[in-house]
N, C-alpha and C. Protein backbone atom coordinates (compact mmCIF):
# COMPACT_ATOMS: atom_id res chain seq x y z
N CYS A 1 55.50 35.78 135.61
CA CYS A 1 55.17 37.28 134.89
C CYS A 1 55.77 37.96 135.62
N ALA A 2 56.10 39.54 134.94
CA ALA A 2 57.00 40.85 135.69
C ALA A 2 55.79 41.25 135.77
N TYR A 3 54.68 41.50 134.77
CA TYR A 3 54.00 42.35 134.71
C TYR A 3 52.95 41.25 134.42
N PRO A 4 51.94 41.17 135.44
CA PRO A 4 50.62 40.51 135.45
C PRO A 4 49.46 41.09 135.52
N GLU A 5 49.67 42.68 135.58
CA GLU A 5 48.54 42.95 134.96
C GLU A 5 47.97 43.02 133.40
N HIS A 6 50.14 42.73 132.87
CA HIS A 6 49.61 43.68 131.60
C HIS A 6 49.62 41.66 130.55
N VAL A 7 48.75 41.62 129.75
CA VAL A 7 47.89 40.33 129.44
C VAL A 7 49.13 40.84 127.54
N VAL A 8 50.12 39.71 128.00
CA VAL A 8 51.07 39.07 126.22
C VAL A 8 49.95 38.74 125.42
N ASP A 9 50.18 39.48 123.85
CA ASP A 9 49.36 38.58 122.75
C ASP A 9 50.92 37.93 122.07
N TYR A 10 51.22 35.98 122.36
CA TYR A 10 51.65 36.18 122.30
C TYR A 10 52.10 35.40 120.56
N GLU A 11 50.66 36.18 119.79
CA GLU A 11 50.82 35.08 118.56
C GLU A 11 51.53 36.25 118.00
N ASN A 12 50.95 37.64 118.06
CA ASN A 12 51.79 38.96 118.25
C ASN A 12 53.28 39.06 117.96
N LEU A 13 53.46 38.42 119.60
CA LEU A 13 55.21 37.77 119.90
C LEU A 13 55.99 37.37 119.04
N HIS A 14 55.14 36.84 118.34
CA HIS A 14 55.79 35.49 118.06
C HIS A 14 56.41 36.25 116.51
N ARG A 15 55.67 36.02 115.94
CA ARG A 15 55.87 37.41 114.49
C ARG A 15 56.53 38.17 114.64
N HIS A 16 56.52 38.79 115.85
CA HIS A 16 57.66 39.99 115.74
C HIS A 16 59.26 39.11 115.87
N ILE A 17 59.05 38.36 116.63
CA ILE A 17 60.32 37.57 117.12
C ILE A 17 61.17 37.36 115.75
N LEU A 18 59.75 36.67 114.71
CA LEU A 18 60.26 35.54 113.58
C LEU A 18 60.87 37.20 112.10
N ARG A 19 59.60 37.92 112.31
CA ARG A 19 60.48 39.17 111.56
C ARG A 19 61.89 39.81 111.97
N VAL A 20 62.01 39.83 113.55
CA VAL A 20 63.24 40.26 113.92
C VAL A 20 64.44 39.04 113.22
N VAL A 21 64.42 38.36 113.57
CA VAL A 21 65.26 37.01 113.34
C VAL A 21 65.34 37.08 111.53
N LYS A 22 64.28 37.11 111.01
CA LYS A 22 64.64 37.19 109.73
C LYS A 22 65.42 38.35 108.62
N ARG A 23 65.46 39.91 109.51
CA ARG A 23 66.13 40.25 109.37
C ARG A 23 67.53 40.01 109.58
N PHE A 24 67.76 39.56 110.73
CA PHE A 24 68.94 39.38 110.93
C PHE A 24 69.87 38.58 109.47
N ASP A 25 69.00 37.15 109.60
CA ASP A 25 69.65 36.58 108.72
C ASP A 25 69.17 37.74 106.87
N ASP A 26 68.76 38.21 106.99
CA ASP A 26 69.10 38.75 105.48
C ASP A 26 69.78 39.82 105.29
N THR A 27 70.37 40.96 106.70
CA THR A 27 71.23 41.57 106.24
C THR A 27 72.09 41.41 107.24
N GLY A 28 72.14 40.74 108.20
CA GLY A 28 73.09 40.42 109.17
C GLY A 28 73.31 41.56 110.42
N SER A 29 72.01 42.48 111.01
CA SER A 29 71.89 43.32 111.76
C SER A 29 70.07 42.91 112.17
N VAL A 30 70.11 43.44 113.23
CA VAL A 30 68.16 43.74 113.65
C VAL A 30 67.90 44.70 113.53
N ALA A 31 68.95 46.33 112.84
CA ALA A 31 68.28 47.15 112.49
C ALA A 31 67.41 47.45 111.38
N CYS A 32 66.36 48.20 111.70
CA CYS A 32 65.82 48.57 110.22
C CYS A 32 66.21 48.95 108.77
N GLY A 33 66.31 48.76 107.71
CA GLY A 33 66.71 49.08 106.52
C GLY A 33 66.28 50.84 106.39
N LYS A 34 67.15 51.74 105.57
CA LYS A 34 66.94 52.70 105.11
C LYS A 34 65.62 53.35 104.58
N SER A 35 64.70 53.79 104.79
CA SER A 35 63.66 54.04 103.93
C SER A 35 64.02 55.02 103.19
N PRO A 36 63.07 54.46 101.78
CA PRO A 36 63.27 55.10 100.35
C PRO A 36 63.54 56.10 100.85
N GLY A 37 62.44 57.17 101.30
CA GLY A 37 63.04 58.58 101.22
C GLY A 37 62.05 59.26 99.57
N ARG A 38 62.44 60.09 100.09
CA ARG A 38 61.61 61.42 98.19
C ARG A 38 62.15 60.41 96.62
N PRO A 39 61.26 59.94 96.16
CA PRO A 39 61.59 59.61 94.85
C PRO A 39 62.40 60.42 94.34
N THR A 40 63.66 59.90 93.08
CA THR A 40 64.35 60.90 92.18
C THR A 40 63.44 61.36 91.12
N VAL A 41 64.53 62.30 90.50
CA VAL A 41 63.67 62.94 89.13
C VAL A 41 63.77 61.66 88.26
N ALA A 42 63.09 61.34 87.32
CA ALA A 42 62.88 60.53 86.09
C ALA A 42 63.41 61.05 85.38
N ASN A 43 64.62 60.44 84.65
CA ASN A 43 65.26 60.00 83.70
C ASN A 43 64.97 60.80 82.30
N GLU A 44 63.71 60.72 81.82
CA GLU A 44 63.10 61.82 80.76
C GLU A 44 62.95 63.36 81.52
N GLU A 45 62.42 62.85 82.20
CA GLU A 45 62.51 64.32 82.68
C GLU A 45 63.99 65.05 82.12
N VAL A 46 65.16 65.20 82.91
CA VAL A 46 65.60 65.46 82.82
C VAL A 46 66.43 65.54 81.50
N VAL A 47 66.23 64.28 80.85
CA VAL A 47 66.69 64.53 79.24
C VAL A 47 66.09 65.52 78.77
N ASP A 48 64.69 65.78 78.76
CA ASP A 48 63.89 66.58 78.24
C ASP A 48 64.28 68.19 79.00
N VAL A 49 64.17 68.57 80.26
CA VAL A 49 64.55 69.61 80.52
C VAL A 49 66.37 69.74 79.93
N ARG A 50 66.88 69.11 79.20
CA ARG A 50 68.05 69.70 79.14
C ARG A 50 67.74 69.99 77.61
N GLY A 51 67.53 69.14 76.79
CA GLY A 51 67.09 69.58 75.30
C GLY A 51 66.52 71.04 75.17
N ARG A 52 65.47 71.28 76.24
CA ARG A 52 65.01 72.55 76.13
C ARG A 52 66.07 73.77 76.73
N LEU A 53 66.48 73.20 77.83
CA LEU A 53 67.50 74.88 77.64
C LEU A 53 68.58 75.24 76.84
N GLU A 54 68.86 73.67 75.71
CA GLU A 54 69.67 73.91 74.58
C GLU A 54 68.88 74.80 73.70
N GLN A 55 67.56 74.29 73.32
CA GLN A 55 67.17 74.69 72.64
C GLN A 55 67.36 76.36 72.74
N SER A 56 66.87 76.67 73.85
CA SER A 56 66.70 78.19 74.28
C SER A 56 67.12 78.72 75.49
N PRO A 57 68.60 78.88 75.45
CA PRO A 57 69.40 79.21 76.92
C PRO A 57 68.47 80.01 77.52
N GLN A 58 67.97 81.41 76.57
CA GLN A 58 67.22 82.52 77.34
C GLN A 58 65.92 82.46 77.86
N LYS A 59 65.22 81.07 77.94
CA LYS A 59 63.98 81.91 78.48
C LYS A 59 64.01 81.01 80.03
N PRO A 60 63.51 81.73 80.54
CA PRO A 60 63.36 81.95 82.23
C PRO A 60 62.92 80.49 83.01
N LEU A 61 63.11 79.96 83.60
CA LEU A 61 63.42 78.88 84.39
C LEU A 61 61.76 78.51 85.01
N ARG A 62 61.25 80.03 84.69
CA ARG A 62 59.59 79.64 84.91
C ARG A 62 59.25 79.23 84.36
N GLN A 63 59.02 79.56 83.22
CA GLN A 63 58.68 79.55 82.15
C GLN A 63 58.55 77.96 81.29
N LEU A 64 59.94 77.93 81.71
CA LEU A 64 60.34 76.16 81.71
C LEU A 64 59.80 75.13 81.96
N SER A 65 59.19 75.90 83.48
CA SER A 65 58.38 74.73 84.67
C SER A 65 57.02 74.71 84.57
N GLN A 66 56.49 76.02 83.87
CA GLN A 66 55.15 75.90 82.98
C GLN A 66 54.90 75.24 82.02
N LEU A 67 55.71 75.21 80.83
CA LEU A 67 55.51 74.63 79.54
C LEU A 67 55.70 73.10 79.69
N LEU A 68 56.92 72.67 80.59
CA LEU A 68 57.21 71.43 80.62
C LEU A 68 56.04 70.52 81.81
N SER A 69 55.47 71.49 82.43
CA SER A 69 54.70 71.07 84.23
C SER A 69 55.36 70.28 84.78
N TYR A 70 56.93 70.34 84.69
CA TYR A 70 57.82 69.81 85.98
C TYR A 70 58.02 70.96 86.72
N GLY A 71 57.20 70.11 87.96
CA GLY A 71 58.10 71.43 89.18
C GLY A 71 59.01 71.13 90.01
N THR A 72 60.34 70.57 88.92
CA THR A 72 62.09 70.70 89.52
C THR A 72 62.63 71.13 88.64
N CYS A 73 62.02 71.90 87.60
CA CYS A 73 63.28 72.40 86.87
C CYS A 73 64.31 72.81 87.12
N GLN A 74 64.41 73.69 87.88
CA GLN A 74 65.23 74.79 89.34
C GLN A 74 66.12 73.60 89.45
N GLN A 75 65.02 72.20 90.22
CA GLN A 75 66.44 71.70 90.97
C GLN A 75 67.12 70.79 90.06
N ILE A 76 66.67 70.74 88.95
CA ILE A 76 66.88 69.91 87.90
C ILE A 76 68.41 70.24 87.23
N THR A 77 68.27 71.76 86.92
CA THR A 77 69.65 72.60 86.51
C THR A 77 70.24 72.97 87.72
N ARG A 78 70.28 72.97 88.68
CA ARG A 78 71.10 73.29 89.75
C ARG A 78 71.56 72.12 90.24
N LYS A 79 71.21 70.96 90.34
CA LYS A 79 71.83 69.50 90.83
C LYS A 79 72.35 68.58 90.01
N LYS A 80 71.68 68.59 88.87
CA LYS A 80 72.26 67.83 87.80
C LYS A 80 73.52 67.84 86.61
N PHE A 81 72.70 69.29 86.38
CA PHE A 81 73.83 69.95 85.16
C PHE A 81 74.73 70.92 85.73
N PHE A 82 74.44 71.29 87.12
CA PHE A 82 75.90 72.34 87.67
C PHE A 82 75.10 73.54 87.44
N PHE A 83 74.19 74.21 86.63
CA PHE A 83 73.92 75.17 85.78
C PHE A 83 73.52 76.11 87.64
N TYR A 84 73.62 77.35 86.76
CA TYR A 84 73.34 78.30 88.83
C TYR A 84 72.61 79.63 87.71
N PRO A 85 71.42 80.11 87.08
CA PRO A 85 71.00 80.81 86.60
C PRO A 85 71.17 82.44 87.11
N TYR A 86 71.39 83.33 86.78
CA TYR A 86 71.41 84.52 87.05
C TYR A 86 71.12 85.61 86.04
N LYS A 87 71.34 86.56 86.86
CA LYS A 87 70.50 88.01 85.73
C LYS A 87 71.09 88.78 85.62
N VAL A 88 71.60 89.53 84.61
CA VAL A 88 72.44 90.42 84.37
C VAL A 88 71.84 91.90 84.89
N THR A 89 72.20 92.07 86.17
CA THR A 89 71.88 93.52 86.84
C THR A 89 73.16 94.54 86.70
N VAL A 90 74.19 94.75 86.23
CA VAL A 90 75.21 95.82 86.27
C VAL A 90 75.85 95.42 85.35
N LEU A 91 76.37 96.80 84.47
CA LEU A 91 76.63 96.54 83.43
C LEU A 91 78.28 97.41 83.54
N GLN A 92 79.25 96.89 83.92
CA GLN A 92 80.33 97.23 84.38
C GLN A 92 81.28 97.21 82.94
N GLU A 93 82.22 98.55 82.79
CA GLU A 93 82.65 99.10 82.03
C GLU A 93 84.08 99.45 82.57
N LEU A 94 85.33 98.66 81.38
CA LEU A 94 86.46 98.99 81.81
C LEU A 94 86.74 100.35 81.19
N HIS A 95 86.99 101.26 82.16
CA HIS A 95 87.99 102.87 81.92
C HIS A 95 89.17 103.09 80.99
N ARG A 96 88.96 103.76 80.15
CA ARG A 96 90.35 103.64 79.32
C ARG A 96 91.79 103.94 79.47
N LEU A 97 91.77 104.38 81.10
CA LEU A 97 93.05 104.44 81.81
C LEU A 97 93.44 102.96 82.32
N PHE A 98 92.45 102.46 82.86
CA PHE A 98 92.79 100.82 83.11
C PHE A 98 92.87 99.43 81.83
N ILE A 99 93.22 99.89 81.02
CA ILE A 99 93.19 99.42 79.64
C ILE A 99 94.62 98.41 79.65
N PRO A 100 95.44 99.38 79.63
CA PRO A 100 96.79 99.12 80.24
C PRO A 100 97.36 97.97 80.89
N LYS A 101 96.64 98.50 82.44
CA LYS A 101 97.12 97.35 83.13
C LYS A 101 96.69 96.10 83.17
N ARG A 102 95.50 95.98 82.75
CA ARG A 102 94.43 94.96 82.13
C ARG A 102 95.18 94.16 81.46
N VAL A 103 95.75 94.25 80.41
CA VAL A 103 96.56 94.07 79.10
C VAL A 103 97.69 93.28 80.34
N ALA A 104 98.08 94.04 80.94
CA ALA A 104 99.46 93.68 81.36
C ALA A 104 99.55 92.53 82.50
N GLN A 105 98.05 92.44 83.32
CA GLN A 105 97.86 91.11 83.74
C GLN A 105 97.84 90.50 82.74
N SER A 106 96.71 90.49 81.68
CA SER A 106 96.10 89.33 81.16
C SER A 106 97.49 88.32 80.61
N LEU A 107 98.80 89.27 80.51
CA LEU A 107 100.01 88.45 79.37
C LEU A 107 100.68 87.85 80.58
N ILE A 108 100.78 88.68 81.84
CA ILE A 108 101.22 87.86 82.51
C ILE A 108 100.67 86.12 83.11
N TYR A 109 99.24 86.53 83.27
CA TYR A 109 98.15 85.68 83.67
C TYR A 109 98.09 84.50 82.46
N TYR A 110 98.42 84.88 81.03
CA TYR A 110 98.46 83.89 79.68
C TYR A 110 100.37 83.34 79.67
N LEU A 111 101.21 84.44 80.52
CA LEU A 111 102.28 83.43 80.44
C LEU A 111 102.62 82.36 81.30
N THR A 112 102.36 82.50 82.22
CA THR A 112 102.43 81.66 84.06
C THR A 112 101.80 80.86 83.36
N HIS A 113 100.67 80.47 82.98
CA HIS A 113 99.80 79.73 82.33
C HIS A 113 100.30 78.79 81.15
N ASN A 114 100.86 78.95 80.23
CA ASN A 114 101.53 78.23 79.32
C ASN A 114 102.62 77.79 80.05
N ASN A 115 103.63 78.22 80.14
CA ASN A 115 104.72 78.18 81.46
C ASN A 115 104.63 76.51 81.78
N HIS A 116 103.40 76.76 83.21
CA HIS A 116 102.92 75.84 83.54
C HIS A 116 102.64 74.87 82.91
N ASN A 117 101.62 74.73 81.81
CA ASN A 117 101.72 73.37 80.80
C ASN A 117 102.22 73.40 80.08
N GLU A 118 103.16 73.69 80.27
CA GLU A 118 104.95 73.05 79.33
C GLU A 118 104.98 71.87 80.23
N HIS A 119 105.63 72.33 81.86
CA HIS A 119 106.10 71.69 82.93
C HIS A 119 105.17 70.31 83.03
N ILE A 120 104.30 70.46 82.46
CA ILE A 120 102.75 69.40 82.84
C ILE A 120 103.36 68.26 81.92
N LYS A 121 103.85 68.55 80.76
CA LYS A 121 103.61 67.49 79.24
C LYS A 121 105.57 66.98 79.39
């Protein structure tokens, strides 16, 4: 024995070797499997949040989270529905002098977009 001062528990070593051999037989590797991580959001919660958002889209997410007692309403809206809530803070008004230029740009975009679609068909 290379380390005579250390006592080897052969029963524990035997169990460990059997566990590693079984893992290799099952997976083809001796590496430990991936840990499950955090639990995913339940499908019922996702359906419930979607229904509530469709009923009242103006309701703040904080109120919705308190109402449903889910702490994941913001996460569900961003990761499942790709909604990124925002608050309108500034009203931008189109000045009278810029209206003809904006109409011309819109017309150019419209014609370009329609011509592109005709080439696809």
